[in-house]
N, C-alpha and C. Protein backbone atom coordinates (compact mmCIF):
# COMPACT_ATOMS: atom_id res chain seq x y z
N UNK A 1 -122.32 -99.80 165.70
CA UNK A 1 -122.98 -101.01 165.25
C UNK A 1 -124.23 -101.25 166.09
N UNK A 2 -125.29 -101.67 165.44
CA UNK A 2 -126.57 -101.92 166.09
C UNK A 2 -126.46 -103.14 167.01
N UNK A 3 -126.92 -103.01 168.26
CA UNK A 3 -126.84 -104.16 169.16
C UNK A 3 -127.76 -105.29 168.72
N UNK A 4 -127.39 -106.49 169.07
CA UNK A 4 -128.21 -107.67 168.78
C UNK A 4 -128.54 -108.28 170.13
N UNK A 5 -129.77 -108.01 170.60
CA UNK A 5 -130.12 -108.53 171.93
C UNK A 5 -131.61 -108.84 172.02
N UNK A 6 -131.88 -109.84 172.79
CA UNK A 6 -133.25 -110.22 173.10
C UNK A 6 -133.63 -109.51 174.39
N UNK A 7 -134.78 -108.85 174.37
CA UNK A 7 -135.27 -108.10 175.52
C UNK A 7 -136.41 -108.86 176.20
N UNK A 8 -136.40 -108.88 177.51
CA UNK A 8 -137.48 -109.41 178.33
C UNK A 8 -138.06 -108.22 179.07
N UNK A 9 -139.27 -107.83 178.70
CA UNK A 9 -139.87 -106.59 179.18
C UNK A 9 -141.05 -106.92 180.09
N UNK A 10 -141.01 -106.39 181.30
CA UNK A 10 -142.10 -106.55 182.25
C UNK A 10 -142.96 -105.29 182.22
N UNK A 11 -144.26 -105.46 181.99
CA UNK A 11 -145.19 -104.33 181.97
C UNK A 11 -145.97 -104.28 183.27
N UNK A 12 -146.38 -103.09 183.65
CA UNK A 12 -147.15 -102.90 184.89
C UNK A 12 -148.42 -103.74 184.86
N UNK A 13 -148.60 -104.57 185.89
CA UNK A 13 -149.79 -105.39 186.02
C UNK A 13 -149.79 -106.68 185.21
N UNK A 14 -148.71 -106.98 184.52
CA UNK A 14 -148.64 -108.20 183.70
C UNK A 14 -147.83 -109.26 184.43
N UNK A 15 -148.26 -110.51 184.28
CA UNK A 15 -147.50 -111.61 184.87
C UNK A 15 -146.37 -112.05 183.96
N UNK A 16 -146.65 -112.16 182.66
CA UNK A 16 -145.65 -112.65 181.71
C UNK A 16 -144.87 -111.49 181.10
N UNK A 17 -143.64 -111.76 180.74
CA UNK A 17 -142.81 -110.78 180.05
C UNK A 17 -143.19 -110.73 178.58
N UNK A 18 -143.02 -109.59 177.98
CA UNK A 18 -143.06 -109.46 176.52
C UNK A 18 -141.62 -109.70 176.07
N UNK A 19 -141.44 -110.57 175.11
CA UNK A 19 -140.09 -110.95 174.68
C UNK A 19 -139.94 -110.62 173.20
N UNK A 20 -138.80 -110.04 172.86
CA UNK A 20 -138.55 -109.74 171.46
C UNK A 20 -137.11 -109.39 171.19
N UNK A 21 -136.77 -109.42 169.92
CA UNK A 21 -135.45 -109.02 169.46
C UNK A 21 -135.47 -107.51 169.32
N UNK A 22 -134.57 -106.83 170.02
CA UNK A 22 -134.52 -105.38 170.00
C UNK A 22 -134.26 -104.88 168.59
N UNK A 23 -135.08 -103.90 168.15
CA UNK A 23 -134.91 -103.31 166.83
C UNK A 23 -134.45 -101.87 166.96
N UNK A 24 -135.23 -101.06 167.68
CA UNK A 24 -134.89 -99.65 167.89
C UNK A 24 -135.79 -99.10 168.98
N UNK A 25 -135.46 -97.91 169.46
CA UNK A 25 -136.29 -97.27 170.47
C UNK A 25 -136.03 -95.77 170.49
N UNK A 26 -136.96 -95.05 171.10
CA UNK A 26 -136.77 -93.64 171.40
C UNK A 26 -137.25 -93.42 172.83
N UNK A 27 -137.50 -92.20 173.22
CA UNK A 27 -137.91 -91.93 174.60
C UNK A 27 -139.28 -92.49 174.94
N UNK A 28 -140.15 -92.66 173.94
CA UNK A 28 -141.52 -93.08 174.19
C UNK A 28 -141.81 -94.53 173.82
N UNK A 29 -141.06 -95.09 172.87
CA UNK A 29 -141.37 -96.40 172.31
C UNK A 29 -140.19 -97.35 172.33
N UNK A 30 -140.50 -98.64 172.38
CA UNK A 30 -139.54 -99.71 172.19
C UNK A 30 -140.11 -100.61 171.10
N UNK A 31 -139.36 -100.79 170.02
CA UNK A 31 -139.80 -101.65 168.92
C UNK A 31 -139.01 -102.94 168.95
N UNK A 32 -139.74 -104.06 168.99
CA UNK A 32 -139.15 -105.40 169.05
C UNK A 32 -139.70 -106.26 167.93
N UNK A 33 -138.88 -107.19 167.43
CA UNK A 33 -139.41 -108.30 166.63
C UNK A 33 -139.94 -109.27 167.67
N UNK A 34 -141.21 -109.53 167.64
CA UNK A 34 -141.89 -110.28 168.69
C UNK A 34 -141.49 -111.74 168.70
N UNK A 35 -141.17 -112.26 169.89
CA UNK A 35 -140.84 -113.67 170.10
C UNK A 35 -141.91 -114.25 171.02
N UNK A 36 -142.93 -114.92 170.46
CA UNK A 36 -144.00 -115.47 171.30
C UNK A 36 -143.55 -116.67 172.12
N UNK A 37 -142.59 -117.43 171.59
CA UNK A 37 -142.04 -118.55 172.35
C UNK A 37 -140.74 -119.02 171.71
N UNK A 38 -139.86 -119.49 172.53
CA UNK A 38 -138.58 -120.07 172.14
C UNK A 38 -137.85 -119.24 171.08
N UNK A 39 -137.76 -119.76 169.86
CA UNK A 39 -136.90 -119.16 168.85
C UNK A 39 -137.70 -118.67 167.64
N UNK A 40 -138.96 -118.43 167.83
CA UNK A 40 -139.84 -118.05 166.73
C UNK A 40 -140.10 -116.55 166.75
N UNK A 41 -139.87 -115.90 165.62
CA UNK A 41 -140.18 -114.48 165.44
C UNK A 41 -141.56 -114.41 164.78
N UNK A 42 -142.42 -113.53 165.29
CA UNK A 42 -143.76 -113.42 164.73
C UNK A 42 -144.21 -111.96 164.76
N UNK A 43 -143.82 -111.22 163.75
CA UNK A 43 -144.23 -109.83 163.63
C UNK A 43 -143.46 -108.88 164.52
N UNK A 44 -144.10 -107.76 164.80
CA UNK A 44 -143.49 -106.69 165.59
C UNK A 44 -144.38 -106.33 166.76
N UNK A 45 -143.76 -105.80 167.80
CA UNK A 45 -144.51 -105.25 168.93
C UNK A 45 -143.87 -103.90 169.28
N UNK A 46 -144.72 -102.90 169.38
CA UNK A 46 -144.32 -101.58 169.84
C UNK A 46 -144.79 -101.45 171.28
N UNK A 47 -143.87 -101.22 172.18
CA UNK A 47 -144.20 -101.12 173.60
C UNK A 47 -144.18 -99.65 173.99
N UNK A 48 -145.25 -99.20 174.64
CA UNK A 48 -145.29 -97.84 175.18
C UNK A 48 -144.42 -97.86 176.44
N UNK A 49 -143.30 -97.15 176.39
CA UNK A 49 -142.30 -97.25 177.46
C UNK A 49 -142.79 -96.82 178.83
N UNK A 50 -143.76 -95.94 178.91
CA UNK A 50 -144.24 -95.51 180.22
C UNK A 50 -144.90 -96.65 181.01
N UNK A 51 -145.24 -97.75 180.34
CA UNK A 51 -145.84 -98.91 181.02
C UNK A 51 -144.80 -99.97 181.41
N UNK A 52 -143.55 -99.76 181.05
CA UNK A 52 -142.50 -100.73 181.37
C UNK A 52 -142.08 -100.59 182.83
N UNK A 53 -142.11 -101.73 183.53
CA UNK A 53 -141.66 -101.78 184.92
C UNK A 53 -140.17 -102.13 184.94
N UNK A 54 -139.78 -103.10 184.11
CA UNK A 54 -138.36 -103.47 184.04
C UNK A 54 -138.03 -104.11 182.70
N UNK A 55 -136.77 -104.00 182.37
CA UNK A 55 -136.19 -104.68 181.20
C UNK A 55 -135.02 -105.45 181.78
N UNK A 56 -135.22 -106.74 181.92
CA UNK A 56 -134.23 -107.50 182.65
C UNK A 56 -133.59 -108.59 181.80
N UNK A 57 -132.35 -108.91 182.08
CA UNK A 57 -131.72 -110.03 181.38
C UNK A 57 -132.39 -111.34 181.80
N UNK A 58 -132.32 -112.31 180.95
CA UNK A 58 -132.91 -113.61 181.21
C UNK A 58 -131.84 -114.65 180.99
N UNK A 59 -131.88 -115.72 181.73
CA UNK A 59 -130.83 -116.72 181.64
C UNK A 59 -130.70 -117.37 180.26
N UNK A 60 -131.81 -117.43 179.49
CA UNK A 60 -131.78 -118.05 178.17
C UNK A 60 -131.52 -117.06 177.04
N UNK A 61 -131.31 -115.79 177.38
CA UNK A 61 -131.20 -114.75 176.36
C UNK A 61 -130.10 -115.03 175.34
N UNK A 62 -128.93 -115.39 175.79
CA UNK A 62 -127.80 -115.61 174.88
C UNK A 62 -128.06 -116.77 173.92
N UNK A 63 -128.69 -117.82 174.42
CA UNK A 63 -129.00 -118.96 173.55
C UNK A 63 -130.03 -118.58 172.49
N UNK A 64 -131.06 -117.83 172.90
CA UNK A 64 -132.08 -117.38 171.95
C UNK A 64 -131.42 -116.48 170.91
N UNK A 65 -130.57 -115.56 171.35
CA UNK A 65 -129.85 -114.69 170.41
C UNK A 65 -129.03 -115.51 169.42
N UNK A 66 -128.34 -116.52 169.92
CA UNK A 66 -127.51 -117.36 169.06
C UNK A 66 -128.36 -118.08 168.01
N UNK A 67 -129.49 -118.65 168.41
CA UNK A 67 -130.36 -119.37 167.47
C UNK A 67 -130.91 -118.40 166.42
N UNK A 68 -131.36 -117.23 166.85
CA UNK A 68 -131.88 -116.25 165.90
C UNK A 68 -130.81 -115.82 164.89
N UNK A 69 -129.59 -115.63 165.37
CA UNK A 69 -128.49 -115.30 164.45
C UNK A 69 -128.24 -116.44 163.47
N UNK A 70 -128.25 -117.67 163.97
CA UNK A 70 -128.04 -118.83 163.09
C UNK A 70 -129.14 -118.95 162.04
N UNK A 71 -130.35 -118.51 162.39
CA UNK A 71 -131.46 -118.53 161.45
C UNK A 71 -131.42 -117.35 160.48
N UNK A 72 -130.50 -116.42 160.71
CA UNK A 72 -130.38 -115.25 159.84
C UNK A 72 -131.40 -114.16 160.11
N UNK A 73 -132.00 -114.17 161.29
CA UNK A 73 -133.00 -113.16 161.63
C UNK A 73 -132.29 -111.90 162.09
N UNK A 74 -132.69 -110.81 161.51
CA UNK A 74 -132.06 -109.51 161.78
C UNK A 74 -133.06 -108.58 162.47
N UNK A 75 -132.53 -107.66 163.27
CA UNK A 75 -133.41 -106.67 163.92
C UNK A 75 -133.73 -105.52 162.95
N UNK A 76 -134.48 -105.83 161.90
CA UNK A 76 -134.76 -104.86 160.85
C UNK A 76 -136.00 -104.02 161.16
N UNK A 77 -135.86 -102.74 160.89
CA UNK A 77 -136.97 -101.81 161.04
C UNK A 77 -137.91 -102.01 159.84
N UNK A 78 -139.23 -102.03 160.07
CA UNK A 78 -140.16 -102.17 158.94
C UNK A 78 -139.98 -101.02 157.93
N UNK A 79 -140.26 -101.27 156.66
CA UNK A 79 -140.13 -100.21 155.65
C UNK A 79 -140.98 -98.99 156.01
N UNK A 80 -140.43 -97.81 155.79
CA UNK A 80 -141.10 -96.53 156.01
C UNK A 80 -141.48 -96.28 157.47
N UNK A 81 -140.88 -97.00 158.39
CA UNK A 81 -141.21 -96.84 159.81
C UNK A 81 -140.56 -95.58 160.37
N UNK A 82 -141.32 -94.89 161.19
CA UNK A 82 -140.80 -93.77 161.97
C UNK A 82 -141.60 -93.69 163.26
N UNK A 83 -140.97 -93.26 164.33
CA UNK A 83 -141.69 -93.11 165.59
C UNK A 83 -142.62 -91.91 165.51
N UNK A 84 -143.82 -92.07 166.05
CA UNK A 84 -144.84 -91.03 166.06
C UNK A 84 -145.53 -91.06 167.41
N UNK A 85 -146.49 -90.17 167.61
CA UNK A 85 -147.32 -90.22 168.81
C UNK A 85 -148.22 -91.45 168.76
N UNK A 86 -148.89 -91.77 169.84
CA UNK A 86 -149.67 -93.00 169.93
C UNK A 86 -150.75 -93.11 168.84
N UNK A 87 -151.59 -92.11 168.71
CA UNK A 87 -152.66 -92.19 167.71
C UNK A 87 -152.06 -92.24 166.31
N UNK A 88 -151.04 -91.44 166.06
CA UNK A 88 -150.40 -91.44 164.74
C UNK A 88 -149.73 -92.79 164.46
N UNK A 89 -149.17 -93.41 165.49
CA UNK A 89 -148.53 -94.72 165.32
C UNK A 89 -149.58 -95.78 164.99
N UNK A 90 -150.71 -95.73 165.67
CA UNK A 90 -151.80 -96.66 165.39
C UNK A 90 -152.29 -96.47 163.96
N UNK A 91 -152.43 -95.23 163.55
CA UNK A 91 -152.87 -94.95 162.16
C UNK A 91 -151.81 -95.40 161.15
N UNK A 92 -150.52 -95.24 161.49
CA UNK A 92 -149.45 -95.68 160.59
C UNK A 92 -149.54 -97.20 160.37
N UNK A 93 -149.70 -97.95 161.47
CA UNK A 93 -149.82 -99.41 161.35
C UNK A 93 -151.03 -99.76 160.49
N UNK A 94 -152.16 -99.13 160.77
CA UNK A 94 -153.37 -99.39 159.99
C UNK A 94 -153.14 -99.09 158.51
N UNK A 95 -152.50 -97.97 158.20
CA UNK A 95 -152.26 -97.59 156.81
C UNK A 95 -151.32 -98.57 156.11
N UNK A 96 -150.26 -99.00 156.78
CA UNK A 96 -149.26 -99.85 156.14
C UNK A 96 -149.59 -101.34 156.19
N UNK A 97 -150.41 -101.75 157.16
CA UNK A 97 -150.70 -103.18 157.33
C UNK A 97 -152.19 -103.50 157.22
N UNK A 98 -153.03 -102.50 156.96
CA UNK A 98 -154.44 -102.73 156.69
C UNK A 98 -155.32 -102.94 157.90
N UNK A 99 -154.75 -102.88 159.08
CA UNK A 99 -155.45 -103.21 160.31
C UNK A 99 -154.49 -102.88 161.44
N UNK A 100 -154.99 -102.72 162.64
CA UNK A 100 -154.11 -102.50 163.78
C UNK A 100 -154.55 -103.40 164.94
N UNK A 101 -153.59 -103.83 165.72
CA UNK A 101 -153.86 -104.59 166.94
C UNK A 101 -153.22 -103.82 168.08
N UNK A 102 -153.97 -103.66 169.16
CA UNK A 102 -153.38 -103.04 170.35
C UNK A 102 -153.89 -103.73 171.59
N UNK A 103 -153.18 -103.54 172.67
CA UNK A 103 -153.48 -104.20 173.93
C UNK A 103 -153.51 -103.15 175.04
N UNK A 104 -154.57 -103.22 175.85
CA UNK A 104 -154.63 -102.32 177.00
C UNK A 104 -154.59 -103.09 178.33
N UNK A 105 -154.60 -104.42 178.24
CA UNK A 105 -154.43 -105.31 179.40
C UNK A 105 -153.73 -106.56 178.90
N UNK A 106 -153.13 -107.32 179.80
CA UNK A 106 -152.34 -108.47 179.39
C UNK A 106 -153.11 -109.45 178.50
N UNK A 107 -154.32 -109.75 178.83
CA UNK A 107 -155.07 -110.76 178.09
C UNK A 107 -156.14 -110.16 177.18
N UNK A 108 -155.98 -108.91 176.77
CA UNK A 108 -157.06 -108.24 176.05
C UNK A 108 -156.52 -107.46 174.85
N UNK A 109 -156.55 -108.09 173.68
CA UNK A 109 -156.12 -107.44 172.44
C UNK A 109 -157.33 -107.08 171.59
N UNK A 110 -157.20 -106.00 170.86
CA UNK A 110 -158.25 -105.53 169.97
C UNK A 110 -157.67 -105.35 168.58
N UNK A 111 -158.46 -105.73 167.58
CA UNK A 111 -158.09 -105.55 166.18
C UNK A 111 -159.11 -104.60 165.56
N UNK A 112 -158.66 -103.77 164.64
CA UNK A 112 -159.63 -102.92 163.96
C UNK A 112 -159.02 -101.72 163.29
N UNK A 113 -159.86 -100.68 163.16
CA UNK A 113 -159.51 -99.47 162.43
C UNK A 113 -159.95 -98.27 163.24
N UNK A 114 -159.16 -97.23 163.18
CA UNK A 114 -159.48 -96.00 163.90
C UNK A 114 -160.72 -95.37 163.27
N UNK A 115 -161.66 -95.02 164.12
CA UNK A 115 -162.85 -94.30 163.69
C UNK A 115 -162.67 -92.83 164.01
N UNK A 116 -162.24 -92.57 165.25
CA UNK A 116 -162.09 -91.20 165.73
C UNK A 116 -161.14 -91.21 166.91
N UNK A 117 -160.48 -90.10 167.14
CA UNK A 117 -159.60 -89.96 168.30
C UNK A 117 -159.56 -88.51 168.74
N UNK A 118 -159.38 -88.34 170.03
CA UNK A 118 -159.11 -87.00 170.56
C UNK A 118 -157.89 -87.12 171.45
N UNK A 119 -157.61 -86.16 172.27
CA UNK A 119 -156.40 -86.17 173.09
C UNK A 119 -156.42 -87.25 174.18
N UNK A 120 -157.58 -87.78 174.51
CA UNK A 120 -157.71 -88.74 175.61
C UNK A 120 -158.27 -90.09 175.17
N UNK A 121 -159.11 -90.11 174.15
CA UNK A 121 -159.86 -91.31 173.78
C UNK A 121 -159.61 -91.75 172.35
N UNK A 122 -159.89 -93.03 172.13
CA UNK A 122 -159.79 -93.63 170.80
C UNK A 122 -161.05 -94.45 170.56
N UNK A 123 -161.75 -94.15 169.48
CA UNK A 123 -162.92 -94.91 169.09
C UNK A 123 -162.52 -95.77 167.90
N UNK A 124 -162.83 -97.05 167.97
CA UNK A 124 -162.42 -98.00 166.94
C UNK A 124 -163.62 -98.75 166.38
N UNK A 125 -163.52 -99.10 165.11
CA UNK A 125 -164.36 -100.13 164.54
C UNK A 125 -163.55 -101.40 164.74
N UNK A 126 -164.06 -102.35 165.51
CA UNK A 126 -163.27 -103.51 165.89
C UNK A 126 -163.66 -104.74 165.08
N UNK A 127 -162.69 -105.63 164.95
CA UNK A 127 -162.84 -106.88 164.21
C UNK A 127 -162.76 -108.03 165.20
N UNK A 128 -163.82 -108.86 165.22
CA UNK A 128 -163.85 -109.99 166.14
C UNK A 128 -163.05 -111.16 165.55
N UNK A 129 -162.75 -112.18 166.36
CA UNK A 129 -162.02 -113.35 165.85
C UNK A 129 -162.76 -114.08 164.72
N UNK A 130 -164.09 -113.94 164.64
CA UNK A 130 -164.81 -114.58 163.53
C UNK A 130 -164.99 -113.59 162.36
N UNK A 131 -164.29 -112.47 162.44
CA UNK A 131 -164.24 -111.46 161.37
C UNK A 131 -165.54 -110.72 161.14
N UNK A 132 -166.29 -110.49 162.20
CA UNK A 132 -167.40 -109.56 162.10
C UNK A 132 -166.92 -108.22 162.62
N UNK A 133 -167.38 -107.16 161.98
CA UNK A 133 -166.95 -105.82 162.33
C UNK A 133 -167.99 -105.19 163.25
N UNK A 134 -167.52 -104.63 164.32
CA UNK A 134 -168.39 -103.89 165.24
C UNK A 134 -168.06 -102.41 165.03
N UNK A 135 -169.01 -101.71 164.43
CA UNK A 135 -168.81 -100.30 164.11
C UNK A 135 -169.02 -99.47 165.36
N UNK A 136 -168.14 -98.52 165.55
CA UNK A 136 -168.23 -97.62 166.70
C UNK A 136 -169.55 -96.88 166.65
N UNK A 137 -170.24 -96.85 167.76
CA UNK A 137 -171.44 -96.04 167.88
C UNK A 137 -171.43 -95.39 169.25
N UNK A 138 -172.40 -94.61 169.53
CA UNK A 138 -172.42 -93.88 170.80
C UNK A 138 -172.60 -94.78 172.01
N UNK A 139 -173.05 -96.02 171.80
CA UNK A 139 -173.25 -96.93 172.92
C UNK A 139 -171.98 -97.65 173.36
N UNK A 140 -170.95 -97.63 172.53
CA UNK A 140 -169.70 -98.32 172.87
C UNK A 140 -168.72 -97.33 173.50
N UNK A 141 -168.19 -97.66 174.67
CA UNK A 141 -167.25 -96.73 175.28
C UNK A 141 -165.94 -96.68 174.49
N UNK A 142 -165.30 -95.54 174.47
CA UNK A 142 -164.02 -95.44 173.77
C UNK A 142 -162.90 -96.07 174.58
N UNK A 143 -161.78 -96.33 173.92
CA UNK A 143 -160.57 -96.77 174.61
C UNK A 143 -159.87 -95.53 175.17
N UNK A 144 -159.24 -95.69 176.30
CA UNK A 144 -158.49 -94.59 176.90
C UNK A 144 -157.04 -94.71 176.42
N UNK A 145 -156.55 -93.69 175.75
CA UNK A 145 -155.22 -93.74 175.15
C UNK A 145 -154.12 -94.06 176.17
N UNK A 146 -154.21 -93.51 177.35
CA UNK A 146 -153.16 -93.73 178.35
C UNK A 146 -153.10 -95.17 178.85
N UNK A 147 -154.14 -95.97 178.56
CA UNK A 147 -154.16 -97.37 178.98
C UNK A 147 -153.61 -98.33 177.92
N UNK A 148 -153.39 -97.84 176.71
CA UNK A 148 -152.85 -98.69 175.64
C UNK A 148 -151.37 -98.92 175.91
N UNK A 149 -150.98 -100.19 176.00
CA UNK A 149 -149.62 -100.56 176.38
C UNK A 149 -148.79 -101.07 175.22
N UNK A 150 -149.43 -101.74 174.26
CA UNK A 150 -148.71 -102.35 173.14
C UNK A 150 -149.47 -102.12 171.84
N UNK A 151 -148.72 -102.04 170.77
CA UNK A 151 -149.28 -102.07 169.43
C UNK A 151 -148.53 -103.17 168.70
N UNK A 152 -149.28 -104.13 168.15
CA UNK A 152 -148.65 -105.25 167.43
C UNK A 152 -149.05 -105.19 165.96
N UNK A 153 -148.17 -105.74 165.12
CA UNK A 153 -148.51 -105.83 163.70
C UNK A 153 -147.64 -106.85 163.01
N UNK A 154 -148.17 -107.34 161.90
CA UNK A 154 -147.47 -108.26 160.99
C UNK A 154 -147.21 -109.64 161.58
N UNK A 155 -147.99 -110.05 162.59
CA UNK A 155 -147.86 -111.41 163.12
C UNK A 155 -148.68 -112.37 162.26
N UNK A 156 -148.47 -113.64 162.42
CA UNK A 156 -149.23 -114.63 161.67
C UNK A 156 -150.72 -114.52 161.95
N UNK A 157 -151.10 -114.40 163.22
CA UNK A 157 -152.52 -114.29 163.58
C UNK A 157 -153.10 -113.00 163.00
N UNK A 158 -152.39 -111.91 163.13
CA UNK A 158 -152.79 -110.61 162.59
C UNK A 158 -153.07 -110.73 161.09
N UNK A 159 -152.11 -111.28 160.34
CA UNK A 159 -152.25 -111.41 158.89
C UNK A 159 -153.34 -112.40 158.51
N UNK A 160 -153.50 -113.47 159.30
CA UNK A 160 -154.56 -114.44 159.03
C UNK A 160 -155.94 -113.83 159.23
N UNK A 161 -156.10 -113.08 160.30
CA UNK A 161 -157.37 -112.42 160.56
C UNK A 161 -157.68 -111.41 159.46
N UNK A 162 -156.68 -110.68 159.02
CA UNK A 162 -156.87 -109.70 157.94
C UNK A 162 -157.29 -110.41 156.65
N UNK A 163 -156.62 -111.51 156.31
CA UNK A 163 -156.98 -112.27 155.11
C UNK A 163 -158.40 -112.82 155.18
N UNK A 164 -158.78 -113.36 156.32
CA UNK A 164 -160.13 -113.90 156.48
C UNK A 164 -161.16 -112.79 156.35
N UNK A 165 -160.91 -111.65 156.97
CA UNK A 165 -161.83 -110.51 156.86
C UNK A 165 -161.95 -110.06 155.40
N UNK A 166 -160.83 -109.95 154.69
CA UNK A 166 -160.86 -109.55 153.29
C UNK A 166 -161.64 -110.56 152.46
N UNK A 167 -161.43 -111.84 152.72
CA UNK A 167 -162.16 -112.88 151.99
C UNK A 167 -163.66 -112.78 152.24
N UNK A 168 -164.05 -112.67 153.50
CA UNK A 168 -165.47 -112.57 153.83
C UNK A 168 -166.08 -111.31 153.24
N UNK A 169 -165.33 -110.22 153.21
CA UNK A 169 -165.83 -108.97 152.63
C UNK A 169 -166.07 -109.14 151.13
N UNK A 170 -165.14 -109.81 150.44
CA UNK A 170 -165.30 -110.06 149.00
C UNK A 170 -166.51 -110.96 148.74
N UNK A 171 -166.67 -111.98 149.59
CA UNK A 171 -167.79 -112.92 149.43
C UNK A 171 -169.12 -112.17 149.55
N UNK A 172 -169.22 -111.22 150.49
CA UNK A 172 -170.45 -110.44 150.65
C UNK A 172 -170.72 -109.62 149.42
N UNK A 173 -169.66 -109.05 148.83
CA UNK A 173 -169.83 -108.23 147.62
C UNK A 173 -170.26 -109.07 146.43
N UNK A 174 -169.80 -110.31 146.36
CA UNK A 174 -170.10 -111.18 145.23
C UNK A 174 -171.44 -111.91 145.39
N UNK A 175 -171.94 -111.97 146.60
CA UNK A 175 -173.17 -112.71 146.88
C UNK A 175 -174.36 -112.01 146.20
N UNK A 176 -175.19 -112.77 145.46
CA UNK A 176 -176.36 -112.15 144.82
C UNK A 176 -177.32 -111.63 145.88
N UNK A 177 -177.96 -110.53 145.58
CA UNK A 177 -178.90 -109.95 146.55
C UNK A 177 -180.13 -110.83 146.68
N UNK A 178 -180.80 -110.68 147.80
CA UNK A 178 -181.99 -111.50 148.09
C UNK A 178 -183.26 -110.81 147.60
N UNK A 179 -183.15 -109.85 146.70
CA UNK A 179 -184.34 -109.13 146.21
C UNK A 179 -185.14 -109.96 145.25
């Protein structure tokens, strides 16, 4: 039987724990239903296990587990999900959710689409909070794959940003030209 547990994960260099309902894991990844606060589930978070310092019990874990069970929240794997390498996982999220979010520092998340990748670097076209796209060019430094700690998807903010970007993109297409 699949365990039902809330995980409190400490990442190297982070002050706050990443908290989530355990879904599944392998040697490289930990997949959680993300709990941003108290008893609220908001999407998924994939944690790169090599960045985990500790996975520790928390005094409120049992109560959070009980509330989530009472709400009928299950540790369900997303449809068609499978563990892959980092770049492939980022591309999988982008393909299935239309966008990807990843974090390479505690307070620094990026949204966007893969432009190019090699064994060490990732070049992205990024989406700002106001939904402007910054296309990768030679002047922008790439992300270092080994520094990426989390991949998030399907959260309310993630889906809201995607909807706003899609809306603004449609508006640009419908706008009469200035010729």
